[in-house]
């Protein structure tokens, strides 16, 4: 077997990661009612999305086995740390600080994940995303979440 495969083909390992996420999602909603296409149950949409994710990830795994080129780059700690920290901040702030502050904090922390980002672009993106999310989720979809504390 080709040694490149065992040293780390990015398609193979990404496919395995996505396949495990799809399997976890299927397992988590397995006891919910599936329903029909006309009357969807709570498990319908998550199972369909997890099934599509699983199919695409199987394609990636097979592609990683068949095409062994594409070495994995070393894992960089800085982006991983700041992206995970931004998710944590969003989760902690959404109930206490509201949607707008949670989004602003998440985008602000994610800014530090890459040295290529610019402060002005980050601020404009954070404000635009907070406005868009407020309109879509609170006003159009009616999700009961506070906008500000």
N, C-alpha and C. Protein backbone atom coordinates (compact mmCIF):
# COMPACT_ATOMS: atom_id res chain seq x y z
N UNK A 1 0.85 -1.18 0.00
CA UNK A 1 0.00 0.00 0.00
C UNK A 1 0.89 1.24 0.00
N UNK A 2 0.39 2.30 -0.54
CA UNK A 2 1.16 3.53 -0.67
C UNK A 2 1.38 4.19 0.70
N UNK A 3 2.61 4.60 0.97
CA UNK A 3 2.94 5.21 2.26
C UNK A 3 2.27 6.56 2.44
N UNK A 4 1.99 7.29 1.37
CA UNK A 4 1.36 8.60 1.48
C UNK A 4 0.01 8.50 2.18
N UNK A 5 -0.71 7.42 1.92
CA UNK A 5 -2.00 7.19 2.55
C UNK A 5 -1.87 7.15 4.07
N UNK A 6 -0.88 6.46 4.56
CA UNK A 6 -0.73 6.30 6.01
C UNK A 6 -0.14 7.54 6.66
N UNK A 7 0.61 8.35 5.95
CA UNK A 7 1.15 9.57 6.53
C UNK A 7 0.08 10.64 6.66
N UNK A 8 -0.97 10.53 5.93
CA UNK A 8 -2.06 11.47 6.12
C UNK A 8 -2.53 12.13 4.85
N UNK A 9 -3.52 11.56 4.22
CA UNK A 9 -4.18 12.17 3.08
C UNK A 9 -5.34 12.99 3.61
N UNK A 10 -5.38 14.24 3.23
CA UNK A 10 -6.37 15.15 3.81
C UNK A 10 -7.81 14.74 3.45
N UNK A 11 -8.05 14.24 2.25
CA UNK A 11 -9.39 13.79 1.88
C UNK A 11 -9.84 12.63 2.74
N UNK A 12 -8.95 11.69 2.99
CA UNK A 12 -9.28 10.51 3.78
C UNK A 12 -9.65 10.91 5.21
N UNK A 13 -8.82 11.71 5.85
CA UNK A 13 -9.06 12.06 7.24
C UNK A 13 -10.24 13.02 7.41
N UNK A 14 -10.42 13.95 6.49
CA UNK A 14 -11.59 14.83 6.55
C UNK A 14 -12.87 14.02 6.33
N UNK A 15 -12.82 13.06 5.41
CA UNK A 15 -13.96 12.20 5.19
C UNK A 15 -14.32 11.38 6.42
N UNK A 16 -13.30 10.86 7.11
CA UNK A 16 -13.56 10.12 8.35
C UNK A 16 -14.17 11.02 9.42
N UNK A 17 -13.68 12.23 9.54
CA UNK A 17 -14.22 13.17 10.52
C UNK A 17 -15.69 13.47 10.22
N UNK A 18 -15.98 13.80 8.96
CA UNK A 18 -17.36 14.11 8.59
C UNK A 18 -18.27 12.90 8.72
N UNK A 19 -17.75 11.72 8.41
CA UNK A 19 -18.53 10.49 8.55
C UNK A 19 -18.86 10.23 10.02
N UNK A 20 -17.92 10.50 10.91
CA UNK A 20 -18.20 10.31 12.34
C UNK A 20 -19.22 11.33 12.84
N UNK A 21 -19.18 12.55 12.33
CA UNK A 21 -20.18 13.55 12.71
C UNK A 21 -21.56 13.14 12.22
N UNK A 22 -21.64 12.63 10.99
CA UNK A 22 -22.92 12.17 10.45
C UNK A 22 -23.46 11.00 11.26
N UNK A 23 -22.58 10.06 11.62
CA UNK A 23 -23.01 8.90 12.42
C UNK A 23 -23.50 9.35 13.79
N UNK A 24 -22.82 10.30 14.40
CA UNK A 24 -23.24 10.82 15.70
C UNK A 24 -24.61 11.50 15.59
N UNK A 25 -24.81 12.29 14.56
CA UNK A 25 -26.10 12.96 14.37
C UNK A 25 -27.22 11.95 14.17
N UNK A 26 -26.97 10.92 13.39
CA UNK A 26 -27.99 9.88 13.17
C UNK A 26 -28.30 9.17 14.48
N UNK A 27 -27.29 8.87 15.26
CA UNK A 27 -27.49 8.20 16.54
C UNK A 27 -28.28 9.08 17.51
N UNK A 28 -27.98 10.39 17.54
CA UNK A 28 -28.65 11.29 18.48
C UNK A 28 -30.13 11.47 18.17
N UNK A 29 -30.53 11.40 16.92
CA UNK A 29 -31.94 11.61 16.58
C UNK A 29 -32.66 10.29 16.26
N UNK A 30 -32.01 9.17 16.53
CA UNK A 30 -32.59 7.87 16.15
C UNK A 30 -33.88 7.55 16.89
N UNK A 31 -34.08 8.09 18.07
CA UNK A 31 -35.30 7.78 18.82
C UNK A 31 -36.43 8.76 18.58
N UNK A 32 -36.19 9.79 17.77
CA UNK A 32 -37.24 10.76 17.46
C UNK A 32 -38.10 10.25 16.31
N UNK A 33 -39.29 10.81 16.19
CA UNK A 33 -40.22 10.43 15.13
C UNK A 33 -39.75 11.02 13.80
N UNK A 34 -39.65 10.17 12.77
CA UNK A 34 -39.18 10.60 11.46
C UNK A 34 -40.28 11.33 10.69
N UNK A 35 -41.47 10.79 10.69
CA UNK A 35 -42.58 11.40 9.96
C UNK A 35 -42.50 11.11 8.47
N UNK A 36 -43.17 11.94 7.68
CA UNK A 36 -43.17 11.80 6.22
C UNK A 36 -42.74 13.12 5.61
N UNK A 37 -42.61 13.12 4.30
CA UNK A 37 -42.23 14.35 3.62
C UNK A 37 -43.32 15.41 3.75
N UNK A 38 -44.56 14.97 3.84
CA UNK A 38 -45.67 15.90 3.97
C UNK A 38 -45.83 16.40 5.41
N UNK A 39 -45.64 15.50 6.38
CA UNK A 39 -45.73 15.86 7.80
C UNK A 39 -44.44 15.43 8.48
N UNK A 40 -43.46 16.31 8.43
CA UNK A 40 -42.13 15.99 8.94
C UNK A 40 -42.12 15.93 10.46
N UNK A 41 -41.46 14.89 10.96
CA UNK A 41 -41.27 14.77 12.39
C UNK A 41 -39.99 15.49 12.80
N UNK A 42 -39.67 15.51 14.09
CA UNK A 42 -38.48 16.22 14.55
C UNK A 42 -37.16 15.62 14.06
N UNK A 43 -37.18 14.36 13.63
CA UNK A 43 -35.94 13.73 13.16
C UNK A 43 -35.77 13.82 11.65
N UNK A 44 -36.78 14.27 10.94
CA UNK A 44 -36.74 14.23 9.48
C UNK A 44 -35.57 15.04 8.91
N UNK A 45 -35.53 16.31 9.19
CA UNK A 45 -34.50 17.18 8.61
C UNK A 45 -33.10 16.80 9.08
N UNK A 46 -32.86 16.57 10.40
CA UNK A 46 -31.51 16.17 10.81
C UNK A 46 -31.04 14.87 10.16
N UNK A 47 -31.95 13.91 9.99
CA UNK A 47 -31.56 12.64 9.37
C UNK A 47 -31.24 12.82 7.88
N UNK A 48 -31.99 13.64 7.20
CA UNK A 48 -31.72 13.89 5.79
C UNK A 48 -30.37 14.57 5.63
N UNK A 49 -30.11 15.59 6.43
CA UNK A 49 -28.83 16.30 6.35
C UNK A 49 -27.68 15.38 6.74
N UNK A 50 -27.85 14.59 7.80
CA UNK A 50 -26.80 13.66 8.21
C UNK A 50 -26.57 12.59 7.14
N UNK A 51 -27.62 12.15 6.49
CA UNK A 51 -27.46 11.17 5.40
C UNK A 51 -26.68 11.75 4.23
N UNK A 52 -27.00 12.99 3.86
CA UNK A 52 -26.25 13.65 2.79
C UNK A 52 -24.80 13.86 3.18
N UNK A 53 -24.57 14.28 4.42
CA UNK A 53 -23.21 14.45 4.90
C UNK A 53 -22.45 13.13 4.90
N UNK A 54 -23.12 12.06 5.31
CA UNK A 54 -22.49 10.74 5.30
C UNK A 54 -22.13 10.28 3.90
N UNK A 55 -23.02 10.52 2.94
CA UNK A 55 -22.74 10.13 1.55
C UNK A 55 -21.56 10.91 0.99
N UNK A 56 -21.53 12.21 1.23
CA UNK A 56 -20.40 13.01 0.74
C UNK A 56 -19.11 12.61 1.43
N UNK A 57 -19.17 12.30 2.71
CA UNK A 57 -17.95 11.92 3.41
C UNK A 57 -17.45 10.56 2.96
N UNK A 58 -18.34 9.63 2.61
CA UNK A 58 -17.90 8.35 2.05
C UNK A 58 -17.17 8.56 0.73
N UNK A 59 -17.67 9.49 -0.07
CA UNK A 59 -17.00 9.84 -1.32
C UNK A 59 -15.59 10.37 -1.03
N UNK A 60 -15.46 11.20 0.00
CA UNK A 60 -14.15 11.75 0.34
C UNK A 60 -13.20 10.66 0.83
N UNK A 61 -13.70 9.72 1.62
CA UNK A 61 -12.86 8.62 2.12
C UNK A 61 -12.34 7.79 0.96
N UNK A 62 -13.24 7.44 0.04
CA UNK A 62 -12.83 6.64 -1.12
C UNK A 62 -11.85 7.42 -1.98
N UNK A 63 -12.10 8.70 -2.17
CA UNK A 63 -11.18 9.54 -2.95
C UNK A 63 -9.81 9.60 -2.27
N UNK A 64 -9.78 9.67 -0.96
CA UNK A 64 -8.53 9.69 -0.23
C UNK A 64 -7.74 8.40 -0.37
N UNK A 65 -8.45 7.29 -0.52
CA UNK A 65 -7.78 6.00 -0.71
C UNK A 65 -7.28 5.86 -2.14
N UNK A 66 -8.10 6.27 -3.10
CA UNK A 66 -7.75 6.10 -4.51
C UNK A 66 -6.68 7.10 -4.94
N UNK A 67 -6.79 8.34 -4.50
CA UNK A 67 -5.82 9.38 -4.88
C UNK A 67 -4.98 9.73 -3.66
N UNK A 68 -3.81 9.15 -3.54
CA UNK A 68 -3.03 9.32 -2.31
C UNK A 68 -2.31 10.66 -2.18
N UNK A 69 -2.33 11.51 -3.20
CA UNK A 69 -1.64 12.80 -3.05
C UNK A 69 -2.46 13.74 -2.17
N UNK A 70 -1.83 14.78 -1.71
CA UNK A 70 -2.53 15.75 -0.86
C UNK A 70 -2.19 15.56 0.60
N UNK A 71 -0.95 15.73 0.94
CA UNK A 71 -0.50 15.58 2.33
C UNK A 71 -1.22 16.57 3.24
N UNK A 72 -1.42 16.17 4.46
CA UNK A 72 -2.02 17.06 5.45
C UNK A 72 -0.97 18.03 5.97
N UNK A 73 -1.36 19.26 6.13
CA UNK A 73 -0.49 20.26 6.73
C UNK A 73 -0.48 20.05 8.25
N UNK A 74 0.55 20.49 8.91
CA UNK A 74 0.55 20.35 10.37
C UNK A 74 -0.58 21.17 11.00
N UNK A 75 -1.07 20.71 12.13
CA UNK A 75 -2.16 21.39 12.82
C UNK A 75 -1.63 22.66 13.46
N UNK A 76 -2.31 23.78 13.20
CA UNK A 76 -1.92 25.05 13.78
C UNK A 76 -2.81 25.31 14.99
N UNK A 77 -2.19 25.63 16.10
CA UNK A 77 -2.91 25.79 17.36
C UNK A 77 -3.67 27.11 17.43
N UNK A 78 -3.11 28.19 16.93
CA UNK A 78 -3.74 29.51 17.05
C UNK A 78 -5.15 29.55 16.44
N UNK A 79 -5.34 29.16 15.18
CA UNK A 79 -6.71 29.19 14.64
C UNK A 79 -7.66 28.26 15.38
N UNK A 80 -7.18 27.08 15.73
CA UNK A 80 -8.02 26.13 16.45
C UNK A 80 -8.47 26.72 17.78
N UNK A 81 -7.56 27.33 18.51
CA UNK A 81 -7.88 27.90 19.82
C UNK A 81 -8.90 29.03 19.70
N UNK A 82 -8.67 29.98 18.80
CA UNK A 82 -9.56 31.14 18.73
C UNK A 82 -10.93 30.82 18.14
N UNK A 83 -10.99 29.88 17.22
CA UNK A 83 -12.30 29.49 16.68
C UNK A 83 -13.12 28.77 17.74
N UNK A 84 -12.49 27.83 18.46
CA UNK A 84 -13.21 27.14 19.53
C UNK A 84 -13.61 28.10 20.64
N UNK A 85 -12.72 29.04 20.97
CA UNK A 85 -13.04 30.05 21.98
C UNK A 85 -14.21 30.93 21.53
N UNK A 86 -14.29 31.23 20.23
CA UNK A 86 -15.40 32.04 19.74
C UNK A 86 -16.73 31.29 19.85
N UNK A 87 -16.73 29.98 19.60
CA UNK A 87 -17.95 29.18 19.79
C UNK A 87 -18.36 29.15 21.25
N UNK A 88 -17.38 29.00 22.12
CA UNK A 88 -17.66 28.98 23.56
C UNK A 88 -18.25 30.32 24.01
N UNK A 89 -17.68 31.42 23.55
CA UNK A 89 -18.19 32.74 23.91
C UNK A 89 -19.62 32.93 23.41
N UNK A 90 -19.90 32.48 22.19
CA UNK A 90 -21.27 32.59 21.67
C UNK A 90 -22.23 31.80 22.54
N UNK A 91 -21.86 30.58 22.88
CA UNK A 91 -22.73 29.74 23.70
C UNK A 91 -22.99 30.32 25.08
N UNK A 92 -21.98 30.95 25.66
CA UNK A 92 -22.14 31.53 26.98
C UNK A 92 -22.89 32.86 26.96
N UNK A 93 -22.76 33.61 25.87
CA UNK A 93 -23.36 34.95 25.81
C UNK A 93 -24.78 34.98 25.24
N UNK A 94 -25.18 33.97 24.50
CA UNK A 94 -26.47 34.05 23.81
C UNK A 94 -27.64 34.21 24.79
N UNK A 95 -27.59 33.55 25.93
CA UNK A 95 -28.70 33.64 26.89
C UNK A 95 -28.59 34.90 27.75
N UNK A 96 -27.37 35.29 28.11
CA UNK A 96 -27.19 36.42 29.02
C UNK A 96 -27.07 37.76 28.29
N UNK A 97 -26.37 37.78 27.18
CA UNK A 97 -26.09 39.03 26.50
C UNK A 97 -26.94 39.29 25.28
N UNK A 98 -27.66 38.30 24.83
CA UNK A 98 -28.49 38.46 23.65
C UNK A 98 -27.76 38.09 22.37
N UNK A 99 -28.51 37.99 21.30
CA UNK A 99 -27.97 37.55 20.02
C UNK A 99 -26.93 38.50 19.47
N UNK A 100 -27.17 39.78 19.53
CA UNK A 100 -26.25 40.76 18.94
C UNK A 100 -24.89 40.71 19.62
N UNK A 101 -24.85 40.77 20.94
CA UNK A 101 -23.57 40.73 21.65
C UNK A 101 -22.85 39.40 21.45
N UNK A 102 -23.61 38.31 21.41
CA UNK A 102 -22.99 36.99 21.22
C UNK A 102 -22.32 36.91 19.85
N UNK A 103 -22.97 37.43 18.82
CA UNK A 103 -22.39 37.42 17.48
C UNK A 103 -21.18 38.33 17.41
N UNK A 104 -21.29 39.53 17.99
CA UNK A 104 -20.15 40.46 17.98
C UNK A 104 -18.94 39.85 18.69
N UNK A 105 -19.17 39.18 19.81
CA UNK A 105 -18.07 38.54 20.54
C UNK A 105 -17.48 37.39 19.75
N UNK A 106 -18.35 36.60 19.11
CA UNK A 106 -17.85 35.45 18.35
C UNK A 106 -17.00 35.90 17.18
N UNK A 107 -17.46 36.84 16.42
CA UNK A 107 -16.69 37.32 15.27
C UNK A 107 -15.42 38.04 15.73
N UNK A 108 -15.53 38.79 16.83
CA UNK A 108 -14.35 39.47 17.35
C UNK A 108 -13.26 38.50 17.79
N UNK A 109 -13.63 37.43 18.45
CA UNK A 109 -12.63 36.43 18.86
C UNK A 109 -12.09 35.66 17.66
N UNK A 110 -12.95 35.34 16.71
CA UNK A 110 -12.50 34.61 15.52
C UNK A 110 -11.53 35.45 14.69
N UNK A 111 -11.60 36.76 14.83
CA UNK A 111 -10.68 37.65 14.12
C UNK A 111 -9.22 37.31 14.42
N UNK A 112 -8.94 36.90 15.64
CA UNK A 112 -7.57 36.62 16.05
C UNK A 112 -7.06 35.27 15.56
N UNK A 113 -7.88 34.49 14.88
CA UNK A 113 -7.46 33.19 14.39
C UNK A 113 -6.49 33.30 13.22
N UNK A 114 -6.54 34.38 12.49
CA UNK A 114 -5.67 34.55 11.33
C UNK A 114 -5.01 35.92 11.36
N UNK A 115 -3.72 35.99 11.07
CA UNK A 115 -3.06 37.30 11.01
C UNK A 115 -3.42 38.10 9.76
N UNK A 116 -4.12 37.48 8.82
CA UNK A 116 -4.47 38.15 7.57
C UNK A 116 -5.74 39.00 7.67
N UNK A 117 -6.51 38.85 8.75
CA UNK A 117 -7.74 39.61 8.86
C UNK A 117 -7.45 41.05 9.24
N UNK A 118 -8.35 41.93 8.82
CA UNK A 118 -8.21 43.35 9.10
C UNK A 118 -9.32 43.78 10.07
N UNK A 119 -8.99 44.71 10.94
CA UNK A 119 -9.92 45.11 11.99
C UNK A 119 -11.18 45.73 11.41
N UNK A 120 -11.04 46.62 10.44
CA UNK A 120 -12.21 47.29 9.85
C UNK A 120 -13.13 46.27 9.18
N UNK A 121 -12.56 45.32 8.45
CA UNK A 121 -13.37 44.30 7.79
C UNK A 121 -14.09 43.43 8.82
N UNK A 122 -13.40 43.10 9.91
CA UNK A 122 -14.01 42.29 10.96
C UNK A 122 -15.17 43.02 11.60
N UNK A 123 -15.00 44.30 11.89
CA UNK A 123 -16.07 45.07 12.51
C UNK A 123 -17.28 45.17 11.58
N UNK A 124 -17.04 45.45 10.30
CA UNK A 124 -18.15 45.54 9.34
C UNK A 124 -18.85 44.20 9.18
N UNK A 125 -18.07 43.12 9.13
CA UNK A 125 -18.67 41.78 9.01
C UNK A 125 -19.48 41.44 10.25
N UNK A 126 -18.96 41.75 11.44
CA UNK A 126 -19.67 41.45 12.68
C UNK A 126 -20.99 42.22 12.75
N UNK A 127 -20.96 43.49 12.41
CA UNK A 127 -22.18 44.29 12.43
C UNK A 127 -23.20 43.80 11.40
N UNK A 128 -22.71 43.48 10.20
CA UNK A 128 -23.61 42.96 9.16
C UNK A 128 -24.21 41.62 9.54
N UNK A 129 -23.40 40.74 10.12
CA UNK A 129 -23.90 39.42 10.52
C UNK A 129 -24.89 39.55 11.67
N UNK A 130 -24.64 40.45 12.61
CA UNK A 130 -25.57 40.66 13.73
C UNK A 130 -26.90 41.21 13.22
N UNK A 131 -26.85 42.15 12.29
CA UNK A 131 -28.07 42.71 11.72
C UNK A 131 -28.84 41.65 10.93
N UNK A 132 -28.14 40.93 10.07
CA UNK A 132 -28.77 39.88 9.26
C UNK A 132 -29.40 38.81 10.14
N UNK A 133 -28.66 38.34 11.15
CA UNK A 133 -29.17 37.30 12.04
C UNK A 133 -30.37 37.78 12.84
N UNK A 134 -30.33 39.03 13.26
CA UNK A 134 -31.46 39.58 14.01
C UNK A 134 -32.72 39.61 13.16
N UNK A 135 -32.59 40.07 11.94
CA UNK A 135 -33.75 40.16 11.05
C UNK A 135 -34.28 38.77 10.72
N UNK A 136 -33.39 37.87 10.31
CA UNK A 136 -33.84 36.54 9.88
C UNK A 136 -34.39 35.72 11.03
N UNK A 137 -33.62 35.59 12.12
CA UNK A 137 -34.01 34.65 13.17
C UNK A 137 -35.06 35.21 14.12
N UNK A 138 -34.98 36.49 14.46
CA UNK A 138 -35.92 37.04 15.44
C UNK A 138 -37.19 37.55 14.76
N UNK A 139 -37.04 38.36 13.70
CA UNK A 139 -38.22 38.98 13.11
C UNK A 139 -38.92 38.09 12.07
N UNK A 140 -38.16 37.45 11.20
CA UNK A 140 -38.81 36.65 10.16
C UNK A 140 -39.19 35.25 10.64
N UNK A 141 -38.32 34.58 11.37
CA UNK A 141 -38.63 33.22 11.84
C UNK A 141 -39.28 33.20 13.21
N UNK A 142 -39.21 34.30 13.92
CA UNK A 142 -39.87 34.39 15.22
C UNK A 142 -39.23 33.54 16.31
N UNK A 143 -37.95 33.31 16.24
CA UNK A 143 -37.27 32.52 17.27
C UNK A 143 -37.19 33.37 18.54
N UNK A 144 -37.60 32.81 19.66
CA UNK A 144 -37.64 33.59 20.91
C UNK A 144 -36.27 33.74 21.54
N UNK A 145 -35.48 34.65 21.05
CA UNK A 145 -34.17 34.97 21.63
C UNK A 145 -34.08 36.48 21.75
N UNK A 146 -33.51 36.93 22.87
CA UNK A 146 -33.41 38.38 23.05
C UNK A 146 -32.27 38.92 22.18
N UNK A 147 -32.45 40.12 21.70
CA UNK A 147 -31.42 40.74 20.88
C UNK A 147 -30.32 41.34 21.72
N UNK A 148 -30.65 42.01 22.81
CA UNK A 148 -29.69 42.63 23.71
C UNK A 148 -30.05 42.26 25.14
N UNK A 149 -29.11 42.46 26.08
CA UNK A 149 -29.42 42.09 27.48
C UNK A 149 -30.57 42.88 28.07
